[in-house]
Amino acid sequence: MNESEKFVHGQRERGDPATVESVADILERELHPMIADWLARVELEPDLNCVPLSFEERTGHLPHLLHDVIARLRLGALAKAPLSKAAGEHGDLRRKQKYSVAMAVEESRLLQVTIFSTLHKYVRNLEFSTLLPEIVLIADEVDAQLKEQMLRFMAADAVYFAKAEAKAKAEAS
């Protein structure tokens, strides 16, 4: 590697011009470091750590959710992204793992913080004129994923309570 190719914390040294990259390309390339960063943030939250989970149980959904974010970025602002199947499955999983709604919201918030922190590391590589619209797309996609998670979470609760009510009525008669 020559002097012009040295990187420090994702940015070029010595004021060399940065290569312009798309937000989607950066997120795709940094997928595994983002997952590690997200997990480190989650591990600092006592409210999330009260549910003991393995690495896979805690992070297994992230590659799918992040790929949905990347796909949404590649579609652009005018295209409406399909509902995230991965987000719905994640909502089902977290409910089975005894997460609360607040815990799922906190995980989603930490995902956005992690994505934006990753982009900040590479800010010199980003086209400034497209950055804010892409940030809006990321926030919109992560929020849409959270909505899908909560819809599935609440649907499972509704089924549970309907069964409990039917059982109570059957026992009362």
N, C-alpha and C. Protein backbone atom coordinates (compact mmCIF):
# COMPACT_ATOMS: atom_id res chain seq x y z
N MET A 1 0.85 -1.18 0.00
CA MET A 1 0.00 0.00 0.00
C MET A 1 0.89 1.23 0.00
N ASN A 2 0.66 2.16 -0.92
CA ASN A 2 1.46 3.38 -0.94
C ASN A 2 0.84 4.43 -0.03
N GLU A 3 1.55 5.54 0.13
CA GLU A 3 1.10 6.59 1.05
C GLU A 3 -0.30 7.10 0.73
N SER A 4 -0.65 7.21 -0.55
CA SER A 4 -1.96 7.75 -0.91
C SER A 4 -3.10 6.79 -0.62
N GLU A 5 -2.79 5.53 -0.27
CA GLU A 5 -3.82 4.54 -0.01
C GLU A 5 -4.01 4.27 1.48
N LYS A 6 -3.25 4.94 2.34
CA LYS A 6 -3.40 4.70 3.77
C LYS A 6 -4.71 5.30 4.27
N PHE A 7 -5.38 4.52 5.13
CA PHE A 7 -6.63 4.96 5.74
C PHE A 7 -6.48 4.94 7.25
N VAL A 8 -7.08 5.89 7.91
CA VAL A 8 -7.14 5.92 9.36
C VAL A 8 -8.60 6.09 9.73
N HIS A 9 -9.15 5.12 10.46
CA HIS A 9 -10.56 5.16 10.87
C HIS A 9 -11.47 5.39 9.68
N GLY A 10 -11.20 4.71 8.59
CA GLY A 10 -12.06 4.79 7.42
C GLY A 10 -11.85 6.03 6.57
N GLN A 11 -10.92 6.91 6.94
CA GLN A 11 -10.70 8.12 6.16
C GLN A 11 -9.26 8.18 5.70
N ARG A 12 -9.06 8.78 4.57
CA ARG A 12 -7.71 8.88 4.02
C ARG A 12 -6.87 9.83 4.87
N GLU A 13 -5.60 9.49 4.99
CA GLU A 13 -4.64 10.33 5.69
C GLU A 13 -4.16 11.47 4.79
N ARG A 14 -3.56 12.47 5.40
CA ARG A 14 -2.77 13.50 4.74
C ARG A 14 -3.54 14.31 3.72
N GLY A 15 -4.85 14.43 3.87
CA GLY A 15 -5.62 15.30 2.99
C GLY A 15 -5.76 14.82 1.57
N ASP A 16 -5.42 13.56 1.30
CA ASP A 16 -5.60 13.03 -0.05
C ASP A 16 -7.08 13.05 -0.40
N PRO A 17 -7.40 13.26 -1.66
CA PRO A 17 -8.82 13.29 -2.02
C PRO A 17 -9.48 11.94 -1.76
N ALA A 18 -10.68 11.99 -1.22
CA ALA A 18 -11.42 10.76 -0.92
C ALA A 18 -12.14 10.27 -2.16
N THR A 19 -12.28 8.97 -2.23
CA THR A 19 -13.08 8.37 -3.29
C THR A 19 -14.54 8.51 -2.91
N VAL A 20 -15.36 9.01 -3.82
CA VAL A 20 -16.78 9.17 -3.54
C VAL A 20 -17.45 7.81 -3.66
N GLU A 21 -18.21 7.47 -2.62
CA GLU A 21 -18.93 6.20 -2.58
C GLU A 21 -20.39 6.48 -2.26
N SER A 22 -21.24 5.56 -2.65
CA SER A 22 -22.65 5.71 -2.29
C SER A 22 -22.85 5.25 -0.85
N VAL A 23 -23.88 5.77 -0.22
CA VAL A 23 -24.24 5.35 1.13
C VAL A 23 -24.50 3.84 1.14
N ALA A 24 -25.22 3.35 0.14
CA ALA A 24 -25.52 1.92 0.06
C ALA A 24 -24.24 1.09 -0.01
N ASP A 25 -23.26 1.53 -0.80
CA ASP A 25 -22.01 0.78 -0.92
C ASP A 25 -21.26 0.75 0.41
N ILE A 26 -21.24 1.86 1.11
CA ILE A 26 -20.55 1.92 2.41
C ILE A 26 -21.24 0.99 3.40
N LEU A 27 -22.56 1.05 3.47
CA LEU A 27 -23.29 0.20 4.41
C LEU A 27 -23.10 -1.28 4.08
N GLU A 28 -23.08 -1.58 2.80
CA GLU A 28 -22.87 -2.98 2.40
C GLU A 28 -21.48 -3.46 2.80
N ARG A 29 -20.49 -2.64 2.55
CA ARG A 29 -19.10 -3.00 2.87
C ARG A 29 -18.89 -3.09 4.38
N GLU A 30 -19.55 -2.24 5.13
CA GLU A 30 -19.35 -2.16 6.58
C GLU A 30 -20.37 -2.97 7.38
N LEU A 31 -21.06 -3.89 6.73
CA LEU A 31 -22.13 -4.65 7.36
C LEU A 31 -21.67 -5.31 8.67
N HIS A 32 -20.62 -6.08 8.64
CA HIS A 32 -20.18 -6.80 9.84
C HIS A 32 -19.64 -5.87 10.92
N PRO A 33 -18.84 -4.85 10.59
CA PRO A 33 -18.46 -3.90 11.64
C PRO A 33 -19.67 -3.16 12.25
N MET A 34 -20.70 -2.88 11.43
CA MET A 34 -21.90 -2.24 11.98
C MET A 34 -22.60 -3.15 12.97
N ILE A 35 -22.67 -4.44 12.65
CA ILE A 35 -23.31 -5.38 13.57
C ILE A 35 -22.55 -5.43 14.88
N ALA A 36 -21.23 -5.46 14.82
CA ALA A 36 -20.41 -5.46 16.03
C ALA A 36 -20.61 -4.16 16.82
N ASP A 37 -20.67 -3.03 16.12
CA ASP A 37 -20.90 -1.74 16.77
C ASP A 37 -22.28 -1.70 17.42
N TRP A 38 -23.30 -2.18 16.71
CA TRP A 38 -24.64 -2.22 17.26
C TRP A 38 -24.69 -3.08 18.52
N LEU A 39 -24.06 -4.25 18.46
CA LEU A 39 -24.06 -5.15 19.62
C LEU A 39 -23.36 -4.49 20.81
N ALA A 40 -22.27 -3.80 20.56
CA ALA A 40 -21.58 -3.11 21.66
C ALA A 40 -22.50 -2.07 22.29
N ARG A 41 -23.27 -1.36 21.48
CA ARG A 41 -24.22 -0.37 22.01
C ARG A 41 -25.32 -1.07 22.81
N VAL A 42 -25.84 -2.17 22.29
CA VAL A 42 -26.90 -2.93 22.98
C VAL A 42 -26.39 -3.44 24.32
N GLU A 43 -25.15 -3.92 24.35
CA GLU A 43 -24.60 -4.48 25.58
C GLU A 43 -24.44 -3.43 26.68
N LEU A 44 -24.46 -2.15 26.31
CA LEU A 44 -24.38 -1.07 27.29
C LEU A 44 -25.74 -0.71 27.88
N GLU A 45 -26.79 -1.31 27.35
CA GLU A 45 -28.16 -0.98 27.77
C GLU A 45 -28.71 -2.06 28.71
N PRO A 46 -28.79 -1.77 30.01
CA PRO A 46 -29.30 -2.77 30.95
C PRO A 46 -30.73 -3.24 30.62
N ASP A 47 -31.54 -2.34 30.07
CA ASP A 47 -32.91 -2.71 29.72
C ASP A 47 -32.96 -3.77 28.63
N LEU A 48 -31.96 -3.82 27.77
CA LEU A 48 -31.93 -4.83 26.71
C LEU A 48 -31.23 -6.11 27.16
N ASN A 49 -30.29 -5.98 28.06
CA ASN A 49 -29.54 -7.14 28.51
C ASN A 49 -30.27 -7.97 29.56
N CYS A 50 -31.43 -7.51 29.98
CA CYS A 50 -32.18 -8.30 30.97
C CYS A 50 -32.73 -9.58 30.35
N VAL A 51 -32.73 -9.65 29.01
CA VAL A 51 -33.10 -10.88 28.30
C VAL A 51 -31.80 -11.49 27.79
N PRO A 52 -31.36 -12.59 28.41
CA PRO A 52 -30.09 -13.19 27.97
C PRO A 52 -30.26 -13.91 26.63
N LEU A 53 -29.46 -13.48 25.65
CA LEU A 53 -29.51 -14.06 24.31
C LEU A 53 -28.09 -14.34 23.83
N SER A 54 -27.96 -15.35 22.99
CA SER A 54 -26.67 -15.63 22.36
C SER A 54 -26.40 -14.56 21.29
N PHE A 55 -25.18 -14.57 20.77
CA PHE A 55 -24.83 -13.63 19.69
C PHE A 55 -25.80 -13.78 18.53
N GLU A 56 -26.05 -15.01 18.11
CA GLU A 56 -26.94 -15.25 16.96
C GLU A 56 -28.38 -14.82 17.27
N GLU A 57 -28.85 -15.13 18.46
CA GLU A 57 -30.22 -14.73 18.83
C GLU A 57 -30.38 -13.22 18.86
N ARG A 58 -29.32 -12.52 19.30
CA ARG A 58 -29.41 -11.07 19.42
C ARG A 58 -29.18 -10.37 18.08
N THR A 59 -28.31 -10.92 17.22
CA THR A 59 -27.91 -10.19 16.01
C THR A 59 -28.34 -10.85 14.70
N GLY A 60 -28.90 -12.04 14.76
CA GLY A 60 -29.20 -12.80 13.55
C GLY A 60 -30.10 -12.08 12.57
N HIS A 61 -30.94 -11.19 13.05
CA HIS A 61 -31.86 -10.44 12.19
C HIS A 61 -31.20 -9.28 11.46
N LEU A 62 -30.09 -8.79 12.01
CA LEU A 62 -29.50 -7.55 11.48
C LEU A 62 -29.06 -7.61 10.02
N PRO A 63 -28.39 -8.67 9.56
CA PRO A 63 -28.01 -8.67 8.14
C PRO A 63 -29.23 -8.50 7.23
N HIS A 64 -30.33 -9.13 7.57
CA HIS A 64 -31.54 -9.03 6.74
C HIS A 64 -32.13 -7.62 6.77
N LEU A 65 -32.21 -7.04 7.97
CA LEU A 65 -32.75 -5.68 8.08
C LEU A 65 -31.84 -4.67 7.37
N LEU A 66 -30.54 -4.84 7.54
CA LEU A 66 -29.61 -3.91 6.88
C LEU A 66 -29.63 -4.09 5.36
N HIS A 67 -29.79 -5.31 4.89
CA HIS A 67 -29.90 -5.51 3.44
C HIS A 67 -31.17 -4.84 2.91
N ASP A 68 -32.24 -4.85 3.71
CA ASP A 68 -33.46 -4.14 3.30
C ASP A 68 -33.23 -2.63 3.23
N VAL A 69 -32.45 -2.10 4.17
CA VAL A 69 -32.10 -0.67 4.14
C VAL A 69 -31.29 -0.36 2.88
N ILE A 70 -30.31 -1.20 2.59
CA ILE A 70 -29.46 -1.01 1.42
C ILE A 70 -30.29 -1.09 0.14
N ALA A 71 -31.19 -2.06 0.08
CA ALA A 71 -32.07 -2.19 -1.09
C ALA A 71 -32.93 -0.95 -1.26
N ARG A 72 -33.42 -0.42 -0.17
CA ARG A 72 -34.25 0.79 -0.22
C ARG A 72 -33.44 1.97 -0.76
N LEU A 73 -32.20 2.08 -0.32
CA LEU A 73 -31.33 3.15 -0.82
C LEU A 73 -31.10 3.01 -2.32
N ARG A 74 -30.92 1.80 -2.76
CA ARG A 74 -30.66 1.58 -4.19
C ARG A 74 -31.91 1.84 -5.03
N LEU A 75 -33.11 1.67 -4.44
CA LEU A 75 -34.35 1.97 -5.16
C LEU A 75 -34.52 3.48 -5.37
N GLY A 76 -34.05 4.25 -4.42
CA GLY A 76 -34.17 5.70 -4.53
C GLY A 76 -35.40 6.24 -3.83
N ALA A 77 -35.48 7.55 -3.77
CA ALA A 77 -36.50 8.24 -3.00
C ALA A 77 -37.91 8.06 -3.55
N LEU A 78 -38.05 7.91 -4.84
CA LEU A 78 -39.38 7.87 -5.43
C LEU A 78 -40.03 6.50 -5.34
N ALA A 79 -39.24 5.47 -5.20
CA ALA A 79 -39.79 4.11 -5.16
C ALA A 79 -40.21 3.76 -3.74
N LYS A 80 -41.35 3.14 -3.64
CA LYS A 80 -41.81 2.66 -2.34
C LYS A 80 -41.30 1.25 -2.15
N ALA A 81 -40.59 1.04 -1.07
CA ALA A 81 -40.01 -0.28 -0.80
C ALA A 81 -41.10 -1.23 -0.32
N PRO A 82 -40.94 -2.50 -0.64
CA PRO A 82 -41.89 -3.49 -0.12
C PRO A 82 -41.74 -3.62 1.39
N LEU A 83 -42.78 -4.14 2.04
CA LEU A 83 -42.69 -4.40 3.47
C LEU A 83 -41.56 -5.38 3.72
N SER A 84 -40.88 -5.18 4.81
CA SER A 84 -39.75 -6.02 5.16
C SER A 84 -40.24 -7.30 5.83
N LYS A 85 -40.10 -8.41 5.13
CA LYS A 85 -40.45 -9.72 5.69
C LYS A 85 -39.57 -9.98 6.92
N ALA A 86 -38.31 -9.61 6.82
CA ALA A 86 -37.37 -9.82 7.93
C ALA A 86 -37.81 -9.06 9.17
N ALA A 87 -38.36 -7.87 8.99
CA ALA A 87 -38.81 -7.08 10.14
C ALA A 87 -39.98 -7.77 10.84
N GLY A 88 -40.93 -8.27 10.08
CA GLY A 88 -42.06 -8.98 10.68
C GLY A 88 -41.60 -10.21 11.45
N GLU A 89 -40.69 -10.96 10.86
CA GLU A 89 -40.16 -12.15 11.53
C GLU A 89 -39.41 -11.78 12.80
N HIS A 90 -38.71 -10.65 12.73
CA HIS A 90 -37.98 -10.17 13.91
C HIS A 90 -38.95 -9.78 15.02
N GLY A 91 -40.07 -9.16 14.67
CA GLY A 91 -41.09 -8.82 15.67
C GLY A 91 -41.63 -10.08 16.34
N ASP A 92 -41.90 -11.11 15.55
CA ASP A 92 -42.37 -12.38 16.11
C ASP A 92 -41.32 -12.97 17.07
N LEU A 93 -40.06 -12.95 16.62
CA LEU A 93 -38.99 -13.53 17.42
C LEU A 93 -38.82 -12.78 18.75
N ARG A 94 -38.78 -11.45 18.68
CA ARG A 94 -38.57 -10.69 19.91
C ARG A 94 -39.73 -10.87 20.89
N ARG A 95 -40.94 -11.03 20.40
CA ARG A 95 -42.06 -11.28 21.29
C ARG A 95 -41.88 -12.63 21.98
N LYS A 96 -41.47 -13.65 21.24
CA LYS A 96 -41.22 -14.97 21.82
C LYS A 96 -40.07 -14.92 22.83
N GLN A 97 -39.14 -14.01 22.62
CA GLN A 97 -38.00 -13.86 23.52
C GLN A 97 -38.33 -12.98 24.72
N LYS A 98 -39.59 -12.59 24.84
CA LYS A 98 -40.10 -11.81 25.98
C LYS A 98 -39.62 -10.36 25.99
N TYR A 99 -39.35 -9.82 24.81
CA TYR A 99 -39.05 -8.40 24.71
C TYR A 99 -40.33 -7.60 24.93
N SER A 100 -40.16 -6.39 25.40
CA SER A 100 -41.27 -5.45 25.47
C SER A 100 -41.24 -4.57 24.22
N VAL A 101 -42.31 -3.84 24.00
CA VAL A 101 -42.34 -2.90 22.88
C VAL A 101 -41.23 -1.88 23.04
N ALA A 102 -41.04 -1.38 24.26
CA ALA A 102 -40.00 -0.38 24.51
C ALA A 102 -38.61 -0.92 24.16
N MET A 103 -38.37 -2.18 24.44
CA MET A 103 -37.08 -2.78 24.12
C MET A 103 -36.87 -2.85 22.61
N ALA A 104 -37.91 -3.22 21.86
CA ALA A 104 -37.80 -3.28 20.40
C ALA A 104 -37.56 -1.90 19.82
N VAL A 105 -38.22 -0.89 20.39
CA VAL A 105 -38.01 0.49 19.93
C VAL A 105 -36.57 0.92 20.21
N GLU A 106 -36.05 0.56 21.37
CA GLU A 106 -34.67 0.92 21.71
C GLU A 106 -33.67 0.26 20.77
N GLU A 107 -33.89 -1.00 20.44
CA GLU A 107 -33.02 -1.68 19.48
C GLU A 107 -33.03 -0.96 18.13
N SER A 108 -34.20 -0.55 17.70
CA SER A 108 -34.33 0.15 16.42
C SER A 108 -33.61 1.49 16.46
N ARG A 109 -33.76 2.20 17.58
CA ARG A 109 -33.07 3.49 17.74
C ARG A 109 -31.56 3.29 17.66
N LEU A 110 -31.07 2.24 18.33
CA LEU A 110 -29.63 1.97 18.31
C LEU A 110 -29.15 1.57 16.91
N LEU A 111 -30.03 0.94 16.13
CA LEU A 111 -29.66 0.61 14.76
C LEU A 111 -29.45 1.89 13.95
N GLN A 112 -30.35 2.85 14.10
CA GLN A 112 -30.18 4.11 13.38
C GLN A 112 -28.91 4.83 13.83
N VAL A 113 -28.66 4.87 15.13
CA VAL A 113 -27.45 5.51 15.65
C VAL A 113 -26.21 4.84 15.06
N THR A 114 -26.23 3.52 14.99
CA THR A 114 -25.10 2.78 14.45
C THR A 114 -24.90 3.08 12.96
N ILE A 115 -25.97 3.09 12.19
CA ILE A 115 -25.86 3.39 10.76
C ILE A 115 -25.31 4.80 10.56
N PHE A 116 -25.85 5.77 11.29
CA PHE A 116 -25.40 7.15 11.11
C PHE A 116 -23.96 7.34 11.60
N SER A 117 -23.57 6.63 12.64
CA SER A 117 -22.18 6.70 13.12
C SER A 117 -21.23 6.12 12.08
N THR A 118 -21.65 5.04 11.44
CA THR A 118 -20.83 4.45 10.37
C THR A 118 -20.66 5.45 9.24
N LEU A 119 -21.74 6.08 8.83
CA LEU A 119 -21.66 7.06 7.74
C LEU A 119 -20.77 8.23 8.14
N HIS A 120 -20.82 8.63 9.40
CA HIS A 120 -19.98 9.73 9.85
C HIS A 120 -18.50 9.41 9.68
N LYS A 121 -18.12 8.15 9.90
CA LYS A 121 -16.73 7.74 9.72
C LYS A 121 -16.26 7.96 8.27
N TYR A 122 -17.20 7.88 7.35
CA TYR A 122 -16.87 7.96 5.92
C TYR A 122 -17.41 9.23 5.28
N VAL A 123 -17.66 10.24 6.07
CA VAL A 123 -18.29 11.45 5.54
C VAL A 123 -17.50 12.07 4.39
N ARG A 124 -16.19 11.94 4.42
CA ARG A 124 -15.36 12.50 3.34
C ARG A 124 -15.55 11.74 2.03
N ASN A 125 -16.12 10.53 2.12
CA ASN A 125 -16.32 9.72 0.92
C ASN A 125 -17.72 9.87 0.35
N LEU A 126 -18.56 10.66 0.99
CA LEU A 126 -19.96 10.77 0.58
C LEU A 126 -20.21 12.02 -0.23
N GLU A 127 -21.10 11.92 -1.18
CA GLU A 127 -21.54 13.07 -1.98
C GLU A 127 -22.52 13.86 -1.12
N PHE A 128 -22.11 15.06 -0.71
CA PHE A 128 -22.90 15.83 0.23
C PHE A 128 -24.30 16.14 -0.29
N SER A 129 -24.43 16.37 -1.58
CA SER A 129 -25.73 16.76 -2.13
C SER A 129 -26.77 15.64 -2.04
N THR A 130 -26.34 14.40 -1.90
CA THR A 130 -27.29 13.28 -1.78
C THR A 130 -27.39 12.75 -0.35
N LEU A 131 -26.53 13.22 0.54
CA LEU A 131 -26.47 12.65 1.88
C LEU A 131 -27.77 12.83 2.67
N LEU A 132 -28.29 14.03 2.73
CA LEU A 132 -29.51 14.24 3.53
C LEU A 132 -30.70 13.45 3.00
N PRO A 133 -30.96 13.44 1.71
CA PRO A 133 -32.07 12.60 1.24
C PRO A 133 -31.85 11.11 1.56
N GLU A 134 -30.61 10.65 1.53
CA GLU A 134 -30.35 9.25 1.86
C GLU A 134 -30.52 8.99 3.35
N ILE A 135 -30.18 9.97 4.18
CA ILE A 135 -30.42 9.85 5.63
C ILE A 135 -31.92 9.74 5.89
N VAL A 136 -32.70 10.54 5.18
CA VAL A 136 -34.16 10.47 5.30
C VAL A 136 -34.66 9.09 4.90
N LEU A 137 -34.14 8.54 3.81
CA LEU A 137 -34.54 7.19 3.38
C LEU A 137 -34.18 6.13 4.42
N ILE A 138 -33.01 6.25 5.01
CA ILE A 138 -32.60 5.30 6.03
C ILE A 138 -33.56 5.37 7.22
N ALA A 139 -33.80 6.57 7.70
CA ALA A 139 -34.71 6.73 8.85
C ALA A 139 -36.10 6.22 8.51
N ASP A 140 -36.58 6.51 7.31
CA ASP A 140 -37.90 6.04 6.90
C ASP A 140 -37.94 4.52 6.85
N GLU A 141 -36.92 3.90 6.29
CA GLU A 141 -36.90 2.44 6.19
C GLU A 141 -36.80 1.78 7.56
N VAL A 142 -35.92 2.27 8.42
CA VAL A 142 -35.79 1.68 9.76
C VAL A 142 -37.09 1.86 10.54
N ASP A 143 -37.73 3.02 10.40
CA ASP A 143 -39.02 3.24 11.07
C ASP A 143 -40.11 2.35 10.49
N ALA A 144 -40.11 2.14 9.18
CA ALA A 144 -41.08 1.23 8.55
C ALA A 144 -40.85 -0.20 9.04
N GLN A 145 -39.60 -0.58 9.21
CA GLN A 145 -39.29 -1.91 9.74
C GLN A 145 -39.80 -2.04 11.18
N LEU A 146 -39.60 -1.00 11.96
CA LEU A 146 -40.09 -1.02 13.34
C LEU A 146 -41.61 -1.13 13.36
N LYS A 147 -42.28 -0.40 12.48
CA LYS A 147 -43.74 -0.49 12.40
C LYS A 147 -44.16 -1.93 12.09
N GLU A 148 -43.50 -2.56 11.12
CA GLU A 148 -43.83 -3.94 10.76
C GLU A 148 -43.59 -4.88 11.94
N GLN A 149 -42.49 -4.66 12.65
CA GLN A 149 -42.21 -5.47 13.84
C GLN A 149 -43.34 -5.33 14.86
N MET A 150 -43.77 -4.10 15.10
CA MET A 150 -44.79 -3.85 16.11
C MET A 150 -46.16 -4.37 15.67
N LEU A 151 -46.46 -4.30 14.39
CA LEU A 151 -47.72 -4.87 13.91
C LEU A 151 -47.77 -6.37 14.17
N ARG A 152 -46.67 -7.06 13.90
CA ARG A 152 -46.62 -8.50 14.15
C ARG A 152 -46.63 -8.79 15.65
N PHE A 153 -45.93 -7.98 16.41
CA PHE A 153 -45.88 -8.11 17.85
C PHE A 153 -47.30 -7.99 18.42
N MET A 154 -48.03 -6.96 17.99
CA MET A 154 -49.39 -6.72 18.49
C MET A 154 -50.37 -7.78 17.98
N ALA A 155 -50.19 -8.25 16.76
CA ALA A 155 -51.06 -9.29 16.22
C ALA A 155 -50.92 -10.56 17.05
N ALA A 156 -49.69 -10.89 17.43
CA ALA A 156 -49.47 -12.07 18.26
C ALA A 156 -50.11 -11.88 19.64
N ASP A 157 -50.01 -10.67 20.19
CA ASP A 157 -50.67 -10.37 21.46
C ASP A 157 -52.17 -10.51 21.33
N ALA A 158 -52.74 -10.02 20.24
CA ALA A 158 -54.19 -10.10 20.04
C ALA A 158 -54.65 -11.55 20.00
N VAL A 159 -53.91 -12.39 19.32
CA VAL A 159 -54.24 -13.83 19.25
C VAL A 159 -54.14 -14.43 20.64
N TYR A 160 -53.09 -14.10 21.37
CA TYR A 160 -52.90 -14.63 22.71
C TYR A 160 -54.06 -14.24 23.62
N PHE A 161 -54.44 -12.96 23.60
CA PHE A 161 -55.52 -12.50 24.47
C PHE A 161 -56.88 -13.05 24.05
N ALA A 162 -57.09 -13.23 22.76
CA ALA A 162 -58.34 -13.83 22.29
C ALA A 162 -58.45 -15.28 22.77
N LYS A 163 -57.35 -16.01 22.71
CA LYS A 163 -57.35 -17.39 23.19
C LYS A 163 -57.58 -17.44 24.70
N ALA A 164 -56.94 -16.53 25.43
CA ALA A 164 -57.11 -16.49 26.88
C ALA A 164 -58.55 -16.15 27.24
N GLU A 165 -59.15 -15.23 26.51
CA GLU A 165 -60.54 -14.86 26.76
C GLU A 165 -61.47 -16.02 26.46
N ALA A 166 -61.25 -16.71 25.35
CA ALA A 166 -62.09 -17.87 24.99
C ALA A 166 -61.94 -18.97 26.04
N LYS A 167 -60.73 -19.17 26.52
CA LYS A 167 -60.50 -20.19 27.55
C LYS A 167 -61.23 -19.81 28.83
N ALA A 168 -61.17 -18.56 29.22
CA ALA A 168 -61.85 -18.09 30.45
C ALA A 168 -63.35 -18.26 30.33
N LYS A 169 -63.90 -17.94 29.15
CA LYS A 169 -65.35 -18.10 28.93
C LYS A 169 -65.74 -19.57 28.99
N ALA A 170 -64.91 -20.42 28.40
CA ALA A 170 -65.21 -21.86 28.39
C ALA A 170 -65.15 -22.43 29.82
N GLU A 171 -64.20 -21.95 30.62
CA GLU A 171 -64.10 -22.43 32.00
C GLU A 171 -65.24 -21.89 32.86
N ALA A 172 -65.74 -20.70 32.52
CA ALA A 172 -66.84 -20.09 33.29
C ALA A 172 -68.18 -20.76 33.02
N SER A 173 -68.31 -21.42 31.88
CA SER A 173 -69.62 -22.02 31.56
C SER A 173 -69.70 -23.46 31.89
